[in-house]
C-alpha cells in the first residue's frame, strides 16, 4: 500500500496543521474542502528546482478573506517570488501528471521553521478586528 499523502494548512494567524489527504482523489478533495472550509482550488504551483513541485490550495471564495501573509513569506522562501493568496491555504506536493503527493519533508520542515513564534519575532502582523 502506498504512503498516504500529507499536506500542511497555514491559517491566517500562522497556525500550521497537518492533514492526511487520503489515497483517492475524492478523499483528497473532501479533506481539502474540510481544511479550507470552502471548495478547494489550486491557486499557485511552485516549481522548486531540485525538489518536487508544490501546489497551494485556497478556497474558491477567497476574495472575501484577508491576505495570508504567512503564505507569502513561505512562497518567497521557496522561490523568491510570490502570488498573493487570501484565506487559509494548504501546501501539498504534486507530480508532473497532477497527482497529489506528500509535501516534501524538507519543505514541511521549512514551513514549520518559518512559522515558529521565535522566528517571526519582529515581523509585522496584520490584525483584523471585525466591527
N, C-alpha and C. Protein backbone atom coordinates (compact mmCIF):
# COMPACT_ATOMS: atom_id res chain seq x y z
N UNK A 1 0.84 -1.19 0.00
CA UNK A 1 0.00 0.00 0.00
C UNK A 1 0.88 1.24 0.00
N UNK A 2 0.62 2.21 -0.89
CA UNK A 2 1.46 3.41 -0.96
C UNK A 2 1.25 4.29 0.27
N UNK A 3 2.27 5.11 0.54
CA UNK A 3 2.15 6.06 1.65
C UNK A 3 1.02 7.04 1.36
N UNK A 4 0.27 7.37 2.38
CA UNK A 4 -0.82 8.33 2.23
C UNK A 4 -0.23 9.73 2.17
N UNK A 5 -0.73 10.54 1.25
CA UNK A 5 -0.23 11.90 1.07
C UNK A 5 -0.62 12.77 2.26
N UNK A 6 0.30 13.61 2.69
CA UNK A 6 0.03 14.57 3.75
C UNK A 6 0.32 15.98 3.24
N UNK A 7 -0.34 16.94 3.86
CA UNK A 7 -0.20 18.35 3.46
C UNK A 7 -0.26 19.21 4.70
N UNK A 8 0.14 20.47 4.56
CA UNK A 8 0.11 21.41 5.68
C UNK A 8 -0.83 22.57 5.37
N UNK A 9 -1.70 22.86 6.32
CA UNK A 9 -2.60 24.02 6.23
C UNK A 9 -1.96 25.16 7.00
N UNK A 10 -1.94 26.35 6.39
CA UNK A 10 -1.43 27.55 7.05
C UNK A 10 -2.60 28.51 7.20
N UNK A 11 -2.97 28.78 8.44
CA UNK A 11 -4.10 29.66 8.74
C UNK A 11 -3.65 31.12 8.67
N UNK A 12 -4.61 32.02 8.71
CA UNK A 12 -4.31 33.45 8.67
C UNK A 12 -3.49 33.91 9.86
N UNK A 13 -3.57 33.18 10.98
CA UNK A 13 -2.79 33.56 12.16
C UNK A 13 -1.45 32.84 12.23
N UNK A 14 -1.09 32.09 11.19
CA UNK A 14 0.19 31.41 11.14
C UNK A 14 0.20 30.02 11.74
N UNK A 15 -0.94 29.57 12.24
CA UNK A 15 -1.00 28.21 12.80
C UNK A 15 -0.87 27.19 11.68
N UNK A 16 -0.09 26.14 11.94
CA UNK A 16 0.14 25.08 10.96
C UNK A 16 -0.55 23.81 11.44
N UNK A 17 -1.31 23.17 10.54
CA UNK A 17 -1.99 21.92 10.85
C UNK A 17 -1.68 20.92 9.75
N UNK A 18 -1.30 19.71 10.15
CA UNK A 18 -1.02 18.67 9.17
C UNK A 18 -2.29 17.88 8.89
N UNK A 19 -2.53 17.59 7.61
CA UNK A 19 -3.69 16.81 7.18
C UNK A 19 -3.23 15.60 6.40
N UNK A 20 -3.88 14.48 6.63
CA UNK A 20 -3.70 13.30 5.81
C UNK A 20 -4.72 13.40 4.69
N UNK A 21 -4.25 13.46 3.45
CA UNK A 21 -5.14 13.73 2.33
C UNK A 21 -5.94 12.52 1.86
N UNK A 22 -5.47 11.33 2.12
CA UNK A 22 -6.15 10.14 1.62
C UNK A 22 -5.49 9.64 0.35
N UNK A 23 -5.96 8.48 -0.11
CA UNK A 23 -5.32 7.83 -1.25
C UNK A 23 -6.01 8.09 -2.58
N UNK A 24 -7.28 8.47 -2.55
CA UNK A 24 -8.02 8.67 -3.80
C UNK A 24 -8.33 10.16 -3.98
N UNK A 25 -8.60 10.54 -5.21
CA UNK A 25 -8.92 11.95 -5.49
C UNK A 25 -10.16 12.42 -4.73
N UNK A 26 -11.25 11.62 -4.65
CA UNK A 26 -12.41 12.08 -3.88
C UNK A 26 -12.08 12.29 -2.39
N UNK A 27 -11.27 11.39 -1.80
CA UNK A 27 -10.87 11.58 -0.40
C UNK A 27 -10.04 12.85 -0.25
N UNK A 28 -9.14 13.06 -1.19
CA UNK A 28 -8.28 14.24 -1.12
C UNK A 28 -9.09 15.52 -1.26
N UNK A 29 -10.04 15.54 -2.19
CA UNK A 29 -10.89 16.73 -2.38
C UNK A 29 -11.71 17.01 -1.13
N UNK A 30 -12.22 15.96 -0.49
CA UNK A 30 -13.02 16.13 0.72
C UNK A 30 -12.16 16.68 1.87
N UNK A 31 -10.96 16.15 2.01
CA UNK A 31 -10.06 16.62 3.07
C UNK A 31 -9.67 18.08 2.85
N UNK A 32 -9.36 18.44 1.60
CA UNK A 32 -9.00 19.83 1.30
C UNK A 32 -10.18 20.76 1.58
N UNK A 33 -11.38 20.35 1.23
CA UNK A 33 -12.57 21.18 1.49
C UNK A 33 -12.76 21.38 2.99
N UNK A 34 -12.55 20.34 3.78
CA UNK A 34 -12.67 20.47 5.24
C UNK A 34 -11.59 21.39 5.80
N UNK A 35 -10.39 21.27 5.28
CA UNK A 35 -9.28 22.09 5.77
C UNK A 35 -9.50 23.57 5.46
N UNK A 36 -10.08 23.86 4.31
CA UNK A 36 -10.26 25.24 3.87
C UNK A 36 -11.64 25.81 4.20
N UNK A 37 -12.56 24.93 4.62
CA UNK A 37 -13.95 25.33 4.87
C UNK A 37 -14.54 26.00 3.63
N UNK A 38 -14.18 25.46 2.47
CA UNK A 38 -14.60 26.03 1.20
C UNK A 38 -14.26 25.03 0.10
N UNK A 39 -14.74 25.27 -1.09
CA UNK A 39 -14.38 24.44 -2.24
C UNK A 39 -12.91 24.71 -2.58
N UNK A 40 -12.07 23.67 -2.59
CA UNK A 40 -10.64 23.90 -2.85
C UNK A 40 -10.36 24.23 -4.31
N UNK A 41 -9.39 25.08 -4.50
CA UNK A 41 -8.96 25.45 -5.84
C UNK A 41 -7.44 25.62 -5.82
N UNK A 42 -6.76 24.96 -6.75
CA UNK A 42 -5.31 25.14 -6.85
C UNK A 42 -5.05 26.54 -7.38
N UNK A 43 -4.33 27.35 -6.60
CA UNK A 43 -4.13 28.75 -6.99
C UNK A 43 -2.69 29.06 -7.37
N UNK A 44 -1.74 28.28 -6.88
CA UNK A 44 -0.34 28.52 -7.19
C UNK A 44 0.36 27.17 -7.29
N UNK A 45 1.20 27.03 -8.31
CA UNK A 45 2.07 25.85 -8.38
C UNK A 45 3.50 26.36 -8.39
N UNK A 46 4.28 25.88 -7.45
CA UNK A 46 5.67 26.31 -7.31
C UNK A 46 6.58 25.22 -7.85
N UNK A 47 7.33 25.54 -8.89
CA UNK A 47 8.33 24.62 -9.39
C UNK A 47 9.62 24.92 -8.65
N UNK A 48 10.01 23.99 -7.79
CA UNK A 48 11.20 24.19 -6.98
C UNK A 48 12.33 23.35 -7.57
N UNK A 49 13.35 24.00 -8.10
CA UNK A 49 14.47 23.25 -8.68
C UNK A 49 15.07 22.29 -7.66
N UNK A 50 15.25 21.05 -8.08
CA UNK A 50 15.85 20.06 -7.19
C UNK A 50 14.88 19.44 -6.20
N UNK A 51 13.59 19.82 -6.24
CA UNK A 51 12.59 19.28 -5.34
C UNK A 51 11.32 18.97 -6.13
N UNK A 52 10.43 18.25 -5.47
CA UNK A 52 9.11 18.02 -6.07
C UNK A 52 8.37 19.35 -6.15
N UNK A 53 7.48 19.45 -7.12
CA UNK A 53 6.67 20.67 -7.23
C UNK A 53 5.71 20.75 -6.06
N UNK A 54 5.29 21.96 -5.76
CA UNK A 54 4.38 22.21 -4.64
C UNK A 54 3.17 22.95 -5.18
N UNK A 55 2.00 22.57 -4.70
CA UNK A 55 0.78 23.24 -5.09
C UNK A 55 0.17 23.88 -3.83
N UNK A 56 -0.39 25.06 -4.02
CA UNK A 56 -1.06 25.76 -2.92
C UNK A 56 -2.54 25.82 -3.26
N UNK A 57 -3.35 25.29 -2.35
CA UNK A 57 -4.80 25.32 -2.49
C UNK A 57 -5.36 26.42 -1.61
N UNK A 58 -6.36 27.13 -2.13
CA UNK A 58 -7.11 28.11 -1.36
C UNK A 58 -8.59 27.88 -1.66
N UNK A 59 -9.43 28.53 -0.89
CA UNK A 59 -10.86 28.38 -1.09
C UNK A 59 -11.36 29.13 -2.31
N UNK A 60 -12.38 28.61 -2.92
CA UNK A 60 -12.99 29.23 -4.10
C UNK A 60 -13.46 30.65 -3.79
N UNK A 61 -13.95 30.89 -2.59
CA UNK A 61 -14.48 32.20 -2.20
C UNK A 61 -13.45 33.01 -1.41
N UNK A 62 -12.21 32.90 -1.77
CA UNK A 62 -11.11 33.53 -1.03
C UNK A 62 -11.06 35.05 -1.16
N UNK A 63 -11.68 35.61 -2.18
CA UNK A 63 -11.61 37.04 -2.40
C UNK A 63 -12.18 37.84 -1.22
N UNK A 64 -13.10 37.23 -0.48
CA UNK A 64 -13.71 37.92 0.66
C UNK A 64 -12.87 37.76 1.93
N UNK A 65 -11.74 37.09 1.83
CA UNK A 65 -10.91 36.83 3.00
C UNK A 65 -9.69 37.74 3.01
N UNK A 66 -9.06 37.82 4.15
CA UNK A 66 -7.84 38.61 4.29
C UNK A 66 -6.67 37.93 3.60
N UNK A 67 -5.65 38.70 3.19
CA UNK A 67 -4.47 38.09 2.60
C UNK A 67 -3.76 37.20 3.63
N UNK A 68 -3.19 36.12 3.15
CA UNK A 68 -2.43 35.23 4.03
C UNK A 68 -0.96 35.62 3.92
N UNK A 69 -0.54 36.48 4.83
CA UNK A 69 0.83 37.00 4.81
C UNK A 69 1.85 35.91 5.11
N UNK A 70 1.46 34.93 5.91
CA UNK A 70 2.37 33.82 6.23
C UNK A 70 2.64 32.98 4.99
N UNK A 71 1.61 32.75 4.18
CA UNK A 71 1.80 32.01 2.93
C UNK A 71 2.73 32.78 1.99
N UNK A 72 2.63 34.10 1.99
CA UNK A 72 3.51 34.91 1.16
C UNK A 72 4.97 34.77 1.60
N UNK A 73 5.20 34.77 2.91
CA UNK A 73 6.57 34.60 3.43
C UNK A 73 7.11 33.24 3.01
N UNK A 74 6.29 32.20 3.13
CA UNK A 74 6.73 30.85 2.75
C UNK A 74 7.06 30.79 1.27
N UNK A 75 6.21 31.37 0.44
CA UNK A 75 6.46 31.35 -1.01
C UNK A 75 7.78 32.04 -1.35
N UNK A 76 8.06 33.17 -0.72
CA UNK A 76 9.31 33.87 -1.03
C UNK A 76 10.52 33.07 -0.57
N UNK A 77 10.39 32.33 0.53
CA UNK A 77 11.49 31.48 0.99
C UNK A 77 11.75 30.34 0.01
N UNK A 78 10.68 29.84 -0.60
CA UNK A 78 10.81 28.69 -1.50
C UNK A 78 11.26 29.10 -2.91
N UNK A 79 10.80 30.25 -3.41
CA UNK A 79 11.05 30.58 -4.82
C UNK A 79 11.49 32.03 -5.05
N UNK A 80 11.63 32.83 -4.04
CA UNK A 80 11.99 34.25 -4.17
C UNK A 80 10.93 35.05 -4.92
N UNK A 81 9.73 34.54 -4.97
CA UNK A 81 8.62 35.20 -5.64
C UNK A 81 7.35 34.78 -4.92
N UNK A 82 6.26 35.49 -5.13
CA UNK A 82 5.02 35.03 -4.53
C UNK A 82 3.82 35.53 -5.29
N UNK A 83 2.77 34.76 -5.19
CA UNK A 83 1.47 35.09 -5.74
C UNK A 83 0.57 35.35 -4.55
N UNK A 84 -0.01 36.53 -4.40
CA UNK A 84 -0.85 36.79 -3.24
C UNK A 84 -2.01 35.80 -3.14
N UNK A 85 -2.22 35.25 -1.96
CA UNK A 85 -3.34 34.35 -1.71
C UNK A 85 -4.11 34.87 -0.50
N UNK A 86 -5.39 34.57 -0.46
CA UNK A 86 -6.26 35.03 0.61
C UNK A 86 -6.86 33.85 1.36
N UNK A 87 -7.07 34.03 2.65
CA UNK A 87 -7.67 32.99 3.46
C UNK A 87 -6.66 31.91 3.81
N UNK A 88 -7.12 30.88 4.53
CA UNK A 88 -6.22 29.77 4.84
C UNK A 88 -5.83 29.06 3.55
N UNK A 89 -4.65 28.46 3.55
CA UNK A 89 -4.16 27.74 2.38
C UNK A 89 -3.62 26.38 2.80
N UNK A 90 -3.52 25.48 1.83
CA UNK A 90 -2.94 24.16 2.07
C UNK A 90 -1.81 23.96 1.08
N UNK A 91 -0.64 23.58 1.60
CA UNK A 91 0.53 23.27 0.77
C UNK A 91 0.61 21.75 0.63
N UNK A 92 0.76 21.26 -0.60
CA UNK A 92 0.90 19.82 -0.86
C UNK A 92 1.90 19.62 -1.98
N UNK A 93 2.42 18.41 -2.09
CA UNK A 93 3.27 18.05 -3.22
C UNK A 93 2.40 17.67 -4.40
N UNK A 94 2.94 17.81 -5.60
CA UNK A 94 2.19 17.44 -6.80
C UNK A 94 3.16 16.89 -7.84
N UNK A 95 2.72 15.84 -8.53
CA UNK A 95 3.55 15.24 -9.57
C UNK A 95 3.32 15.98 -10.89
N UNK A 96 4.15 15.68 -11.88
CA UNK A 96 4.03 16.32 -13.19
C UNK A 96 2.69 16.00 -13.86
N UNK A 97 2.10 14.84 -13.52
CA UNK A 97 0.82 14.49 -14.12
C UNK A 97 -0.37 14.88 -13.25
N UNK A 98 -0.14 15.69 -12.22
CA UNK A 98 -1.23 16.27 -11.44
C UNK A 98 -1.73 15.47 -10.26
N UNK A 99 -1.02 14.42 -9.84
CA UNK A 99 -1.43 13.65 -8.67
C UNK A 99 -0.83 14.26 -7.42
N UNK A 100 -1.64 14.37 -6.38
CA UNK A 100 -1.15 14.92 -5.12
C UNK A 100 -0.25 13.92 -4.41
N UNK A 101 0.81 14.44 -3.84
CA UNK A 101 1.74 13.63 -3.05
C UNK A 101 1.99 14.35 -1.75
N UNK A 102 2.70 13.70 -0.87
CA UNK A 102 3.06 14.36 0.38
C UNK A 102 3.96 15.55 0.09
N UNK A 103 3.80 16.56 0.91
CA UNK A 103 4.70 17.70 0.85
C UNK A 103 6.11 17.17 1.15
N UNK A 104 7.11 17.51 0.33
CA UNK A 104 8.47 17.03 0.63
C UNK A 104 8.87 17.38 2.06
N UNK A 105 9.54 16.44 2.71
CA UNK A 105 9.89 16.59 4.14
C UNK A 105 10.67 17.88 4.40
N UNK A 106 11.58 18.24 3.49
CA UNK A 106 12.38 19.45 3.72
C UNK A 106 11.52 20.71 3.60
N UNK A 107 10.50 20.67 2.76
CA UNK A 107 9.60 21.82 2.63
C UNK A 107 8.70 21.93 3.86
N UNK A 108 8.18 20.79 4.33
CA UNK A 108 7.37 20.79 5.55
C UNK A 108 8.18 21.32 6.73
N UNK A 109 9.43 20.89 6.83
CA UNK A 109 10.30 21.37 7.91
C UNK A 109 10.56 22.87 7.78
N UNK A 110 10.76 23.35 6.55
CA UNK A 110 10.99 24.78 6.32
C UNK A 110 9.76 25.59 6.72
N UNK A 111 8.56 25.12 6.35
CA UNK A 111 7.33 25.84 6.71
C UNK A 111 7.20 25.92 8.23
N UNK A 112 7.42 24.79 8.90
CA UNK A 112 7.31 24.80 10.37
C UNK A 112 8.37 25.72 10.99
N UNK A 113 9.56 25.74 10.41
CA UNK A 113 10.63 26.60 10.93
C UNK A 113 10.28 28.08 10.74
N UNK A 114 9.82 28.42 9.54
CA UNK A 114 9.48 29.82 9.24
C UNK A 114 8.39 30.32 10.18
N UNK A 115 7.41 29.47 10.50
CA UNK A 115 6.27 29.91 11.29
C UNK A 115 6.43 29.69 12.78
N UNK A 116 7.63 29.35 13.23
CA UNK A 116 7.89 29.28 14.67
C UNK A 116 7.74 30.67 15.26
N UNK A 117 7.11 30.79 16.43
CA UNK A 117 6.92 32.12 17.03
C UNK A 117 8.22 32.90 17.20
N UNK A 118 9.31 32.24 17.59
CA UNK A 118 10.56 32.97 17.79
C UNK A 118 11.16 33.42 16.45
N UNK A 119 10.87 32.71 15.38
CA UNK A 119 11.37 33.10 14.06
C UNK A 119 10.61 34.33 13.54
N UNK A 120 9.34 34.45 13.92
CA UNK A 120 8.51 35.56 13.44
C UNK A 120 8.60 36.80 14.33
N UNK A 121 9.38 36.74 15.39
CA UNK A 121 9.50 37.90 16.28
C UNK A 121 9.98 39.10 15.48
N UNK A 122 9.27 40.19 15.59
CA UNK A 122 9.63 41.41 14.89
C UNK A 122 8.99 41.54 13.52
N UNK A 123 8.32 40.48 13.05
CA UNK A 123 7.63 40.56 11.76
C UNK A 123 6.27 41.20 12.00
N UNK A 124 5.93 42.25 11.26
CA UNK A 124 4.64 42.88 11.46
C UNK A 124 3.50 41.90 11.17
N UNK A 125 2.47 41.99 11.93
CA UNK A 125 1.32 41.11 11.77
C UNK A 125 0.09 41.93 11.54
N UNK A 126 -0.72 41.53 10.56
CA UNK A 126 -1.97 42.20 10.28
C UNK A 126 -3.04 41.65 11.23
N UNK A 127 -3.69 42.53 11.95
CA UNK A 127 -4.75 42.11 12.85
C UNK A 127 -6.06 42.67 12.32
N UNK A 128 -7.03 41.80 12.18
CA UNK A 128 -8.34 42.21 11.69
C UNK A 128 -9.33 42.15 12.84
N UNK A 129 -9.92 43.26 13.16
CA UNK A 129 -10.93 43.32 14.22
C UNK A 129 -12.25 43.68 13.57
N UNK A 130 -13.17 42.69 13.49
CA UNK A 130 -14.46 42.99 12.85
C UNK A 130 -15.21 44.05 13.64
N UNK A 131 -15.90 44.91 12.94
CA UNK A 131 -16.67 45.97 13.60
C UNK A 131 -18.11 45.54 13.79
